[in-house]
Amino acid sequence: MNSIKKVFLIIGVLMLAFIVWSLVFNDGGVVRTAYDAISSPINSAWQTVTGDPDAKLLPDWGDTGVDLEDNLNDQSGGF
């Protein structure tokens, strides 16, 4: 195998890995879809049992509430 073919093969494998990573772990990916498919029926059954429309056993997939921009821009602190 020529060294040119090896280089392009490595680049192709890395690009394929990045594409699979983005499809699986980005917002709207396979992991989020699977979690939503599991959490929705569990939460709706729990809401039926408790009678509380806001009761949830599993949290929604979403924002963690952490503002990354403020954390990254605040460099004045230290230890």
Protein backbone atom coordinates (compact mmCIF):
# COMPACT_ATOMS: atom_id res chain seq x y z
CA MET A 1 0.00 0.00 0.00
CA ASN A 2 1.40 3.37 -0.95
CA SER A 3 1.94 5.97 1.71
CA ILE A 4 -0.52 8.30 -0.08
CA LYS A 5 -3.25 5.66 0.19
CA LYS A 6 -2.47 5.17 3.87
CA VAL A 7 -2.72 8.89 4.57
CA PHE A 8 -6.06 9.22 2.78
CA LEU A 9 -7.34 6.08 4.49
CA ILE A 10 -6.48 7.54 7.90
CA ILE A 11 -8.12 10.86 7.01
CA GLY A 12 -11.22 9.02 5.79
CA VAL A 13 -11.47 6.96 8.97
CA LEU A 14 -11.15 10.08 11.13
CA MET A 15 -13.83 11.91 9.13
CA LEU A 16 -16.14 8.91 9.43
CA ALA A 17 -15.54 8.84 13.20
CA PHE A 18 -16.40 12.54 13.48
CA ILE A 19 -19.59 12.10 11.46
CA VAL A 20 -20.73 9.14 13.57
CA TRP A 21 -19.88 11.05 16.77
CA SER A 22 -21.98 14.03 15.68
CA LEU A 23 -24.94 11.85 14.69
CA VAL A 24 -24.90 9.98 18.00
CA PHE A 25 -24.03 12.58 20.61
CA ASN A 26 -25.17 15.99 19.28
CA ASP A 27 -28.56 17.50 20.09
CA GLY A 28 -31.19 15.48 18.30
CA GLY A 29 -28.86 12.51 18.04
CA VAL A 30 -29.54 8.88 18.69
CA VAL A 31 -28.76 9.06 22.42
CA ARG A 32 -31.16 11.97 22.99
CA THR A 33 -33.90 10.31 20.96
CA ALA A 34 -33.55 7.07 22.91
CA TYR A 35 -33.60 8.89 26.25
CA ASP A 36 -36.72 10.84 25.27
CA ALA A 37 -38.39 7.63 24.12
CA ILE A 38 -37.77 6.10 27.54
CA SER A 39 -38.41 9.10 29.80
CA SER A 40 -41.69 10.30 28.27
CA PRO A 41 -43.78 7.19 29.02
CA ILE A 42 -42.24 6.84 32.48
CA ASN A 43 -43.00 10.45 33.36
CA SER A 44 -46.53 10.31 31.97
CA ALA A 45 -47.26 7.12 33.93
CA TRP A 46 -45.87 8.74 37.09
CA GLN A 47 -48.02 11.83 36.50
CA THR A 48 -51.06 9.58 36.16
CA VAL A 49 -50.24 7.74 39.39
CA THR A 50 -49.57 10.87 41.44
CA GLY A 51 -52.18 13.12 39.84
CA ASP A 52 -49.63 15.95 39.67
CA PRO A 53 -49.08 17.21 36.11
CA ASP A 54 -45.62 18.57 37.03
CA ALA A 55 -44.29 15.42 38.72
CA LYS A 56 -41.36 13.80 36.91
CA LEU A 57 -39.18 10.84 37.81
CA LEU A 58 -36.68 11.45 35.02
CA PRO A 59 -35.52 14.95 34.14
CA ASP A 60 -35.98 16.32 30.66
CA TRP A 61 -33.04 16.26 28.29
CA GLY A 62 -32.02 19.85 27.98
CA ASP A 63 -30.08 22.72 29.37
CA THR A 64 -28.09 22.10 32.53
CA GLY A 65 -28.54 25.68 33.68
CA VAL A 66 -24.81 26.36 33.53
CA ASP A 67 -23.86 29.49 31.59
CA LEU A 68 -20.61 28.54 29.90
CA GLU A 69 -19.96 32.03 28.53
CA ASP A 70 -19.95 33.56 32.01
CA ASN A 71 -17.73 30.79 33.31
CA LEU A 72 -15.27 31.11 30.44
CA ASN A 73 -15.12 34.90 30.54
CA ASP A 74 -14.68 35.17 34.31
CA GLN A 75 -10.92 34.89 34.61
CA SER A 76 -10.55 37.36 37.48
CA GLY A 77 -11.02 34.88 40.30
CA GLY A 78 -8.42 32.24 40.79
CA PHE A 79 -8.34 29.89 43.71
